Amino acid sequence: MKELFPAKQVMGFVFSLILTAVALLVHFTDMSFSFGMTILLITAFVQAFLQLVVFMHAGESKDGKSIYTTIFYGAIIAIVTVFGSLLILLWDM
């Protein structure tokens, strides 16, 4: 029976709820903008990584290294696109 219980998924779900509660605490408490945004960004990235590994089973395939490499490459492309757009549209450079 123990092998039928999805302990990894349940723990991932509980951890996701905890990260969501931390984000809600940032909203409901009176803290500085920079500190609140730092906490929100950290919890968002941790939760995205948790969702990817636990619920999308990214680490369970034989080709896990290439999956993580592709995700890293996609994140770099997204960051360059966002900051390039900001550079051109907002900062007029």
PDB file of N, CA and C in Angstrom:
ATOM      1  N   MET A   1       0.819  -1.196   0.000  1.00  0.00           N
ATOM      2  CA  MET A   1       0.000   0.000   0.000  1.00  0.00           C
ATOM      3  C   MET A   1       0.863   1.261   0.000  1.00  0.00           C
ATOM      4  N   LYS A   2       2.038   1.179   0.624  1.00  0.00           N
ATOM      5  CA  LYS A   2       2.901   2.345   0.707  1.00  0.00           C
ATOM      6  C   LYS A   2       3.357   2.805  -0.677  1.00  0.00           C
ATOM      7  N   GLU A   3       3.616   1.883  -1.586  1.00  0.00           N
ATOM      8  CA  GLU A   3       4.071   2.268  -2.921  1.00  0.00           C
ATOM      9  C   GLU A   3       2.954   2.857  -3.782  1.00  0.00           C
ATOM     10  N   LEU A   4       1.697   2.690  -3.371  1.00  0.00           N
ATOM     11  CA  LEU A   4       0.575   3.250  -4.109  1.00  0.00           C
ATOM     12  C   LEU A   4       0.244   4.680  -3.689  1.00  0.00           C
ATOM     13  N   PHE A   5       0.703   5.087  -2.518  1.00  0.00           N
ATOM     14  CA  PHE A   5       0.419   6.434  -2.022  1.00  0.00           C
ATOM     15  C   PHE A   5       1.397   7.428  -2.645  1.00  0.00           C
ATOM     16  N   PRO A   6       0.906   8.480  -3.275  1.00  0.00           N
ATOM     17  CA  PRO A   6       1.805   9.437  -3.947  1.00  0.00           C
ATOM     18  C   PRO A   6       2.401  10.446  -2.970  1.00  0.00           C
ATOM     19  N   ALA A   7       3.314   9.991  -2.131  1.00  0.00           N
ATOM     20  CA  ALA A   7       3.884  10.841  -1.082  1.00  0.00           C
ATOM     21  C   ALA A   7       4.623  12.047  -1.664  1.00  0.00           C
ATOM     22  N   LYS A   8       5.343  11.839  -2.758  1.00  0.00           N
ATOM     23  CA  LYS A   8       6.093  12.943  -3.364  1.00  0.00           C
ATOM     24  C   LYS A   8       5.140  14.041  -3.855  1.00  0.00           C
ATOM     25  N   GLN A   9       4.046  13.648  -4.471  1.00  0.00           N
ATOM     26  CA  GLN A   9       3.092  14.629  -4.973  1.00  0.00           C
ATOM     27  C   GLN A   9       2.363  15.342  -3.834  1.00  0.00           C
ATOM     28  N   VAL A  10       2.037  14.628  -2.769  1.00  0.00           N
ATOM     29  CA  VAL A  10       1.364  15.243  -1.628  1.00  0.00           C
ATOM     30  C   VAL A  10       2.288  16.248  -0.950  1.00  0.00           C
ATOM     31  N   MET A  11       3.557  15.877  -0.775  1.00  0.00           N
ATOM     32  CA  MET A  11       4.505  16.807  -0.163  1.00  0.00           C
ATOM     33  C   MET A  11       4.737  18.023  -1.070  1.00  0.00           C
ATOM     34  N   GLY A  12       4.775  17.806  -2.375  1.00  0.00           N
ATOM     35  CA  GLY A  12       4.897  18.928  -3.306  1.00  0.00           C
ATOM     36  C   GLY A  12       3.704  19.862  -3.223  1.00  0.00           C
ATOM     37  N   PHE A  13       2.511  19.281  -3.096  1.00  0.00           N
ATOM     38  CA  PHE A  13       1.298  20.094  -2.969  1.00  0.00           C
ATOM     39  C   PHE A  13       1.309  20.899  -1.673  1.00  0.00           C
ATOM     40  N   VAL A  14       1.707  20.274  -0.578  1.00  0.00           N
ATOM     41  CA  VAL A  14       1.768  20.966   0.715  1.00  0.00           C
ATOM     42  C   VAL A  14       2.803  22.098   0.649  1.00  0.00           C
ATOM     43  N   PHE A  15       3.943  21.827   0.041  1.00  0.00           N
ATOM     44  CA  PHE A  15       4.971  22.855  -0.080  1.00  0.00           C
ATOM     45  C   PHE A  15       4.484  24.001  -0.968  1.00  0.00           C
ATOM     46  N   SER A  16       3.725  23.691  -2.023  1.00  0.00           N
ATOM     47  CA  SER A  16       3.144  24.738  -2.860  1.00  0.00           C
ATOM     48  C   SER A  16       2.162  25.595  -2.071  1.00  0.00           C
ATOM     49  N   LEU A  17       1.377  24.970  -1.209  1.00  0.00           N
ATOM     50  CA  LEU A  17       0.460  25.733  -0.364  1.00  0.00           C
ATOM     51  C   LEU A  17       1.215  26.644   0.601  1.00  0.00           C
ATOM     52  N   ILE A  18       2.321  26.154   1.145  1.00  0.00           N
ATOM     53  CA  ILE A  18       3.134  26.972   2.055  1.00  0.00           C
ATOM     54  C   ILE A  18       3.716  28.173   1.316  1.00  0.00           C
ATOM     55  N   LEU A  19       4.231  27.943   0.098  1.00  0.00           N
ATOM     56  CA  LEU A  19       4.774  29.055  -0.687  1.00  0.00           C
ATOM     57  C   LEU A  19       3.694  30.068  -1.042  1.00  0.00           C
ATOM     58  N   THR A  20       2.485  29.597  -1.321  1.00  0.00           N
ATOM     59  CA  THR A  20       1.374  30.503  -1.602  1.00  0.00           C
ATOM     60  C   THR A  20       1.001  31.307  -0.363  1.00  0.00           C
ATOM     61  N   ALA A  21       1.033  30.667   0.807  1.00  0.00           N
ATOM     62  CA  ALA A  21       0.740  31.369   2.058  1.00  0.00           C
ATOM     63  C   ALA A  21       1.792  32.450   2.330  1.00  0.00           C
ATOM     64  N   VAL A  22       3.048  32.158   2.015  1.00  0.00           N
ATOM     65  CA  VAL A  22       4.105  33.164   2.189  1.00  0.00           C
ATOM     66  C   VAL A  22       3.844  34.358   1.270  1.00  0.00           C
ATOM     67  N   ALA A  23       3.440  34.085   0.027  1.00  0.00           N
ATOM     68  CA  ALA A  23       3.130  35.182  -0.899  1.00  0.00           C
ATOM     69  C   ALA A  23       1.935  35.998  -0.402  1.00  0.00           C
ATOM     70  N   LEU A  24       0.952  35.344   0.172  1.00  0.00           N
ATOM     71  CA  LEU A  24      -0.191  36.079   0.726  1.00  0.00           C
ATOM     72  C   LEU A  24       0.215  36.919   1.938  1.00  0.00           C
ATOM     73  N   LEU A  25       1.137  36.412   2.737  1.00  0.00           N
ATOM     74  CA  LEU A  25       1.632  37.194   3.873  1.00  0.00           C
ATOM     75  C   LEU A  25       2.335  38.464   3.403  1.00  0.00           C
ATOM     76  N   VAL A  26       3.026  38.377   2.289  1.00  0.00           N
ATOM     77  CA  VAL A  26       3.663  39.571   1.728  1.00  0.00           C
ATOM     78  C   VAL A  26       2.606  40.605   1.369  1.00  0.00           C
ATOM     79  N   HIS A  27       1.504  40.126   0.838  1.00  0.00           N
ATOM     80  CA  HIS A  27       0.430  41.043   0.444  1.00  0.00           C
ATOM     81  C   HIS A  27      -0.246  41.684   1.661  1.00  0.00           C
ATOM     82  N   PHE A  28      -0.477  40.901   2.702  1.00  0.00           N
ATOM     83  CA  PHE A  28      -1.252  41.394   3.839  1.00  0.00           C
ATOM     84  C   PHE A  28      -0.425  42.073   4.928  1.00  0.00           C
ATOM     85  N   THR A  29       0.886  41.975   4.881  1.00  0.00           N
ATOM     86  CA  THR A  29       1.715  42.653   5.877  1.00  0.00           C
ATOM     87  C   THR A  29       2.269  43.944   5.292  1.00  0.00           C
ATOM     88  N   ASP A  30       2.684  44.822   6.166  1.00  0.00           N
ATOM     89  CA  ASP A  30       3.215  46.114   5.754  1.00  0.00           C
ATOM     90  C   ASP A  30       4.739  46.025   5.708  1.00  0.00           C
ATOM     91  N   MET A  31       5.263  45.727   4.525  1.00  0.00           N
ATOM     92  CA  MET A  31       6.714  45.664   4.370  1.00  0.00           C
ATOM     93  C   MET A  31       7.119  46.525   3.182  1.00  0.00           C
ATOM     94  N   SER A  32       8.388  46.787   3.084  1.00  0.00           N
ATOM     95  CA  SER A  32       8.867  47.655   2.010  1.00  0.00           C
ATOM     96  C   SER A  32       8.664  46.977   0.652  1.00  0.00           C
ATOM     97  N   PHE A  33       8.600  47.802  -0.372  1.00  0.00           N
ATOM     98  CA  PHE A  33       8.353  47.295  -1.720  1.00  0.00           C
ATOM     99  C   PHE A  33       9.471  46.368  -2.174  1.00  0.00           C
ATOM    100  N   SER A  34      10.713  46.757  -1.960  1.00  0.00           N
ATOM    101  CA  SER A  34      11.841  45.952  -2.446  1.00  0.00           C
ATOM    102  C   SER A  34      11.927  44.613  -1.710  1.00  0.00           C
ATOM    103  N   PHE A  35      11.699  44.627  -0.401  1.00  0.00           N
ATOM    104  CA  PHE A  35      11.747  43.378   0.355  1.00  0.00           C
ATOM    105  C   PHE A  35      10.595  42.458  -0.046  1.00  0.00           C
ATOM    106  N   GLY A  36       9.412  43.017  -0.225  1.00  0.00           N
ATOM    107  CA  GLY A  36       8.259  42.217  -0.641  1.00  0.00           C
ATOM    108  C   GLY A  36       8.443  41.623  -2.024  1.00  0.00           C
ATOM    109  N   MET A  37       8.967  42.415  -2.959  1.00  0.00           N
ATOM    110  CA  MET A  37       9.208  41.900  -4.306  1.00  0.00           C
ATOM    111  C   MET A  37      10.284  40.823  -4.319  1.00  0.00           C
ATOM    112  N   THR A  38      11.286  40.961  -3.470  1.00  0.00           N
ATOM    113  CA  THR A  38      12.323  39.932  -3.376  1.00  0.00           C
ATOM    114  C   THR A  38      11.726  38.611  -2.904  1.00  0.00           C
ATOM    115  N   ILE A  39      10.903  38.670  -1.866  1.00  0.00           N
ATOM    116  CA  ILE A  39      10.256  37.453  -1.361  1.00  0.00           C
ATOM    117  C   ILE A  39       9.333  36.850  -2.416  1.00  0.00           C
ATOM    118  N   LEU A  40       8.567  37.694  -3.092  1.00  0.00           N
ATOM    119  CA  LEU A  40       7.652  37.199  -4.130  1.00  0.00           C
ATOM    120  C   LEU A  40       8.403  36.544  -5.284  1.00  0.00           C
ATOM    121  N   LEU A  41       9.489  37.141  -5.717  1.00  0.00           N
ATOM    122  CA  LEU A  41      10.271  36.550  -6.805  1.00  0.00           C
ATOM    123  C   LEU A  41      10.886  35.217  -6.401  1.00  0.00           C
ATOM    124  N   ILE A  42      11.415  35.142  -5.193  1.00  0.00           N
ATOM    125  CA  ILE A  42      12.012  33.884  -4.730  1.00  0.00           C
ATOM    126  C   ILE A  42      10.955  32.795  -4.624  1.00  0.00           C
ATOM    127  N   THR A  43       9.814  33.116  -4.015  1.00  0.00           N
ATOM    128  CA  THR A  43       8.770  32.099  -3.890  1.00  0.00           C
ATOM    129  C   THR A  43       8.203  31.697  -5.247  1.00  0.00           C
ATOM    130  N   ALA A  44       8.128  32.631  -6.180  1.00  0.00           N
ATOM    131  CA  ALA A  44       7.612  32.300  -7.516  1.00  0.00           C
ATOM    132  C   ALA A  44       8.547  31.343  -8.247  1.00  0.00           C
ATOM    133  N   PHE A  45       9.840  31.607  -8.200  1.00  0.00           N
ATOM    134  CA  PHE A  45      10.777  30.724  -8.885  1.00  0.00           C
ATOM    135  C   PHE A  45      10.875  29.357  -8.213  1.00  0.00           C
ATOM    136  N   VAL A  46      10.839  29.328  -6.894  1.00  0.00           N
ATOM    137  CA  VAL A  46      10.867  28.040  -6.194  1.00  0.00           C
ATOM    138  C   VAL A  46       9.612  27.237  -6.522  1.00  0.00           C
ATOM    139  N   GLN A  47       8.467  27.891  -6.544  1.00  0.00           N
ATOM    140  CA  GLN A  47       7.234  27.180  -6.849  1.00  0.00           C
ATOM    141  C   GLN A  47       7.203  26.709  -8.301  1.00  0.00           C
ATOM    142  N   ALA A  48       7.718  27.502  -9.228  1.00  0.00           N
ATOM    143  CA  ALA A  48       7.773  27.069 -10.630  1.00  0.00           C
ATOM    144  C   ALA A  48       8.684  25.856 -10.781  1.00  0.00           C
ATOM    145  N   PHE A  49       9.825  25.875 -10.110  1.00  0.00           N
ATOM    146  CA  PHE A  49      10.736  24.729 -10.158  1.00  0.00           C
ATOM    147  C   PHE A  49      10.097  23.497  -9.522  1.00  0.00           C
ATOM    148  N   LEU A  50       9.401  23.700  -8.413  1.00  0.00           N
ATOM    149  CA  LEU A  50       8.709  22.600  -7.738  1.00  0.00           C
ATOM    150  C   LEU A  50       7.640  21.990  -8.636  1.00  0.00           C
ATOM    151  N   GLN A  51       6.866  22.826  -9.289  1.00  0.00           N
ATOM    152  CA  GLN A  51       5.830  22.327 -10.205  1.00  0.00           C
ATOM    153  C   GLN A  51       6.458  21.533 -11.342  1.00  0.00           C
ATOM    154  N   LEU A  52       7.566  22.014 -11.856  1.00  0.00           N
ATOM    155  CA  LEU A  52       8.226  21.352 -12.969  1.00  0.00           C
ATOM    156  C   LEU A  52       8.752  19.980 -12.556  1.00  0.00           C
ATOM    157  N   VAL A  53       9.404  19.909 -11.425  1.00  0.00           N
ATOM    158  CA  VAL A  53      10.041  18.662 -11.015  1.00  0.00           C
ATOM    159  C   VAL A  53       9.018  17.663 -10.476  1.00  0.00           C
ATOM    160  N   VAL A  54       8.126  18.107  -9.603  1.00  0.00           N
ATOM    161  CA  VAL A  54       7.231  17.165  -8.925  1.00  0.00           C
ATOM    162  C   VAL A  54       6.039  16.788  -9.793  1.00  0.00           C
ATOM    163  N   PHE A  55       5.375  17.766 -10.362  1.00  0.00           N
ATOM    164  CA  PHE A  55       4.116  17.471 -11.032  1.00  0.00           C
ATOM    165  C   PHE A  55       4.257  17.224 -12.534  1.00  0.00           C
ATOM    166  N   MET A  56       5.314  17.747 -13.149  1.00  0.00           N
ATOM    167  CA  MET A  56       5.511  17.494 -14.575  1.00  0.00           C
ATOM    168  C   MET A  56       6.549  16.403 -14.800  1.00  0.00           C
ATOM    169  N   HIS A  57       7.103  15.848 -13.735  1.00  0.00           N
ATOM    170  CA  HIS A  57       8.015  14.701 -13.765  1.00  0.00           C
ATOM    171  C   HIS A  57       9.234  14.957 -14.651  1.00  0.00           C
ATOM    172  N   ALA A  58       9.789  16.146 -14.567  1.00  0.00           N
ATOM    173  CA  ALA A  58      10.939  16.483 -15.407  1.00  0.00           C
ATOM    174  C   ALA A  58      12.172  15.696 -15.009  1.00  0.00           C
ATOM    175  N   GLY A  59      12.321  15.352 -13.759  1.00  0.00           N
ATOM    176  CA  GLY A  59      13.509  14.645 -13.317  1.00  0.00           C
ATOM    177  C   GLY A  59      13.421  13.146 -13.418  1.00  0.00           C
ATOM    178  N   GLU A  60      12.317  12.601 -13.894  1.00  0.00           N
ATOM    179  CA  GLU A  60      12.138  11.154 -13.908  1.00  0.00           C
ATOM    180  C   GLU A  60      12.499  10.500 -15.231  1.00  0.00           C
ATOM    181  N   SER A  61      12.804  11.284 -16.247  1.00  0.00           N
ATOM    182  CA  SER A  61      13.148  10.685 -17.535  1.00  0.00           C
ATOM    183  C   SER A  61      14.651  10.419 -17.602  1.00  0.00           C
ATOM    184  N   LYS A  62      15.047   9.610 -18.578  1.00  0.00           N
ATOM    185  CA  LYS A  62      16.463   9.302 -18.765  1.00  0.00           C
ATOM    186  C   LYS A  62      17.226  10.506 -19.306  1.00  0.00           C
ATOM    187  N   ASP A  63      16.503  11.393 -19.980  1.00  0.00           N
ATOM    188  CA  ASP A  63      17.112  12.550 -20.621  1.00  0.00           C
ATOM    189  C   ASP A  63      16.872  13.818 -19.795  1.00  0.00           C
ATOM    190  N   GLY A  64      16.971  13.722 -18.484  1.00  0.00           N
ATOM    191  CA  GLY A  64      16.687  14.849 -17.601  1.00  0.00           C
ATOM    192  C   GLY A  64      17.626  16.018 -17.786  1.00  0.00           C
ATOM    193  N   LYS A  65      18.897  15.731 -18.097  1.00  0.00           N
ATOM    194  CA  LYS A  65      19.874  16.805 -18.260  1.00  0.00           C
ATOM    195  C   LYS A  65      19.504  17.711 -19.436  1.00  0.00           C
ATOM    196  N   SER A  66      19.070  17.130 -20.525  1.00  0.00           N
ATOM    197  CA  SER A  66      18.704  17.957 -21.681  1.00  0.00           C
ATOM    198  C   SER A  66      17.415  18.737 -21.418  1.00  0.00           C
ATOM    199  N   ILE A  67      16.526  18.189 -20.603  1.00  0.00           N
ATOM    200  CA  ILE A  67      15.311  18.924 -20.250  1.00  0.00           C
ATOM    201  C   ILE A  67      15.662  20.177 -19.455  1.00  0.00           C
ATOM    202  N   TYR A  68      16.530  20.030 -18.460  1.00  0.00           N
ATOM    203  CA  TYR A  68      16.920  21.180 -17.653  1.00  0.00           C
ATOM    204  C   TYR A  68      17.748  22.182 -18.467  1.00  0.00           C
ATOM    205  N   THR A  69      18.564  21.691 -19.395  1.00  0.00           N
ATOM    206  CA  THR A  69      19.327  22.584 -20.260  1.00  0.00           C
ATOM    207  C   THR A  69      18.398  23.406 -21.145  1.00  0.00           C
ATOM    208  N   THR A  70      17.372  22.772 -21.681  1.00  0.00           N
ATOM    209  CA  THR A  70      16.409  23.469 -22.525  1.00  0.00           C
ATOM    210  C   THR A  70      15.635  24.508 -21.721  1.00  0.00           C
ATOM    211  N   ILE A  71      15.266  24.179 -20.493  1.00  0.00           N
ATOM    212  CA  ILE A  71      14.558  25.133 -19.640  1.00  0.00           C
ATOM    213  C   ILE A  71      15.458  26.321 -19.318  1.00  0.00           C
ATOM    214  N   PHE A  72      16.716  26.062 -19.015  1.00  0.00           N
ATOM    215  CA  PHE A  72      17.665  27.136 -18.733  1.00  0.00           C
ATOM    216  C   PHE A  72      17.836  28.033 -19.953  1.00  0.00           C
ATOM    217  N   TYR A  73      17.962  27.432 -21.139  1.00  0.00           N
ATOM    218  CA  TYR A  73      18.100  28.204 -22.373  1.00  0.00           C
ATOM    219  C   TYR A  73      16.848  29.050 -22.616  1.00  0.00           C
ATOM    220  N   GLY A  74      15.680  28.478 -22.394  1.00  0.00           N
ATOM    221  CA  GLY A  74      14.434  29.230 -22.559  1.00  0.00           C
ATOM    222  C   GLY A  74      14.339  30.396 -21.595  1.00  0.00           C
ATOM    223  N   ALA A  75      14.799  30.194 -20.358  1.00  0.00           N
ATOM    224  CA  ALA A  75      14.785  31.277 -19.364  1.00  0.00           C
ATOM    225  C   ALA A  75      15.727  32.401 -19.777  1.00  0.00           C
ATOM    226  N   ILE A  76      16.889  32.051 -20.314  1.00  0.00           N
ATOM    227  CA  ILE A  76      17.836  33.067 -20.779  1.00  0.00           C
ATOM    228  C   ILE A  76      17.228  33.873 -21.928  1.00  0.00           C
ATOM    229  N   ILE A  77      16.582  33.184 -22.874  1.00  0.00           N
ATOM    230  CA  ILE A  77      15.941  33.873 -23.992  1.00  0.00           C
ATOM    231  C   ILE A  77      14.838  34.808 -23.484  1.00  0.00           C
ATOM    232  N   ALA A  78      14.052  34.345 -22.496  1.00  0.00           N
ATOM    233  CA  ALA A  78      12.977  35.178 -21.944  1.00  0.00           C
ATOM    234  C   ALA A  78      13.545  36.407 -21.244  1.00  0.00           C
ATOM    235  N   ILE A  79      14.610  36.247 -20.492  1.00  0.00           N
ATOM    236  CA  ILE A  79      15.225  37.378 -19.788  1.00  0.00           C
ATOM    237  C   ILE A  79      15.783  38.388 -20.781  1.00  0.00           C
ATOM    238  N   VAL A  80      16.471  37.909 -21.810  1.00  0.00           N
ATOM    239  CA  VAL A  80      17.025  38.810 -22.825  1.00  0.00           C
ATOM    240  C   VAL A  80      15.896  39.547 -23.543  1.00  0.00           C
ATOM    241  N   THR A  81      14.806  38.856 -23.848  1.00  0.00           N
ATOM    242  CA  THR A  81      13.677  39.491 -24.523  1.00  0.00           C
ATOM    243  C   THR A  81      13.041  40.573 -23.663  1.00  0.00           C
ATOM    244  N   VAL A  82      12.819  40.271 -22.387  1.00  0.00           N
ATOM    245  CA  VAL A  82      12.195  41.245 -21.490  1.00  0.00           C
ATOM    246  C   VAL A  82      13.092  42.462 -21.294  1.00  0.00           C
ATOM    247  N   PHE A  83      14.359  42.235 -20.973  1.00  0.00           N
ATOM    248  CA  PHE A  83      15.241  43.376 -20.741  1.00  0.00           C
ATOM    249  C   PHE A  83      15.562  44.124 -22.027  1.00  0.00           C
ATOM    250  N   GLY A  84      15.610  43.433 -23.153  1.00  0.00           N
ATOM    251  CA  GLY A  84      15.795  44.122 -24.430  1.00  0.00           C
ATOM    252  C   GLY A  84      14.610  45.008 -24.759  1.00  0.00           C
ATOM    253  N   SER A  85      13.402  44.510 -24.472  1.00  0.00           N
ATOM    254  CA  SER A  85      12.205  45.320 -24.701  1.00  0.00           C
ATOM    255  C   SER A  85      12.182  46.529 -23.779  1.00  0.00           C
ATOM    256  N   LEU A  86      12.531  46.339 -22.515  1.00  0.00           N
ATOM    257  CA  LEU A  86      12.600  47.466 -21.589  1.00  0.00           C
ATOM    258  C   LEU A  86      13.644  48.477 -22.037  1.00  0.00           C
ATOM    259  N   LEU A  87      14.771  47.986 -22.491  1.00  0.00           N
ATOM    260  CA  LEU A  87      15.853  48.858 -22.931  1.00  0.00           C
ATOM    261  C   LEU A  87      15.399  49.730 -24.095  1.00  0.00           C
ATOM    262  N   ILE A  88      14.692  49.143 -25.023  1.00  0.00           N
ATOM    263  CA  ILE A  88      14.272  49.890 -26.207  1.00  0.00           C
ATOM    264  C   ILE A  88      13.037  50.750 -25.938  1.00  0.00           C
ATOM    265  N   LEU A  89      12.017  50.171 -25.320  1.00  0.00           N
ATOM    266  CA  LEU A  89      10.746  50.867 -25.190  1.00  0.00           C
ATOM    267  C   LEU A  89      10.683  51.876 -24.050  1.00  0.00           C
ATOM    268  N   LEU A  90      11.285  51.568 -22.921  1.00  0.00           N
ATOM    269  CA  LEU A  90      11.170  52.461 -21.770  1.00  0.00           C
ATOM    270  C   LEU A  90      12.376  53.356 -21.569  1.00  0.00           C
ATOM    271  N   TRP A  91      13.555  52.811 -21.810  1.00  0.00           N
ATOM    272  CA  TRP A  91      14.755  53.564 -21.505  1.00  0.00           C
ATOM    273  C   TRP A  91      15.342  54.264 -22.721  1.00  0.00           C
ATOM    274  N   ASP A  92      14.717  54.129 -23.883  1.00  0.00           N
ATOM    275  CA  ASP A  92      15.111  54.819 -25.129  1.00  0.00           C
ATOM    276  C   ASP A  92      16.597  54.697 -25.454  1.00  0.00           C
ATOM    277  N   MET A  93      17.096  53.505 -25.414  1.00  0.00           N
ATOM    278  CA  MET A  93      18.523  53.312 -25.738  1.00  0.00           C
ATOM    279  C   MET A  93      18.687  52.565 -27.027  1.00  0.00           C
TER     280      MET A  93
END
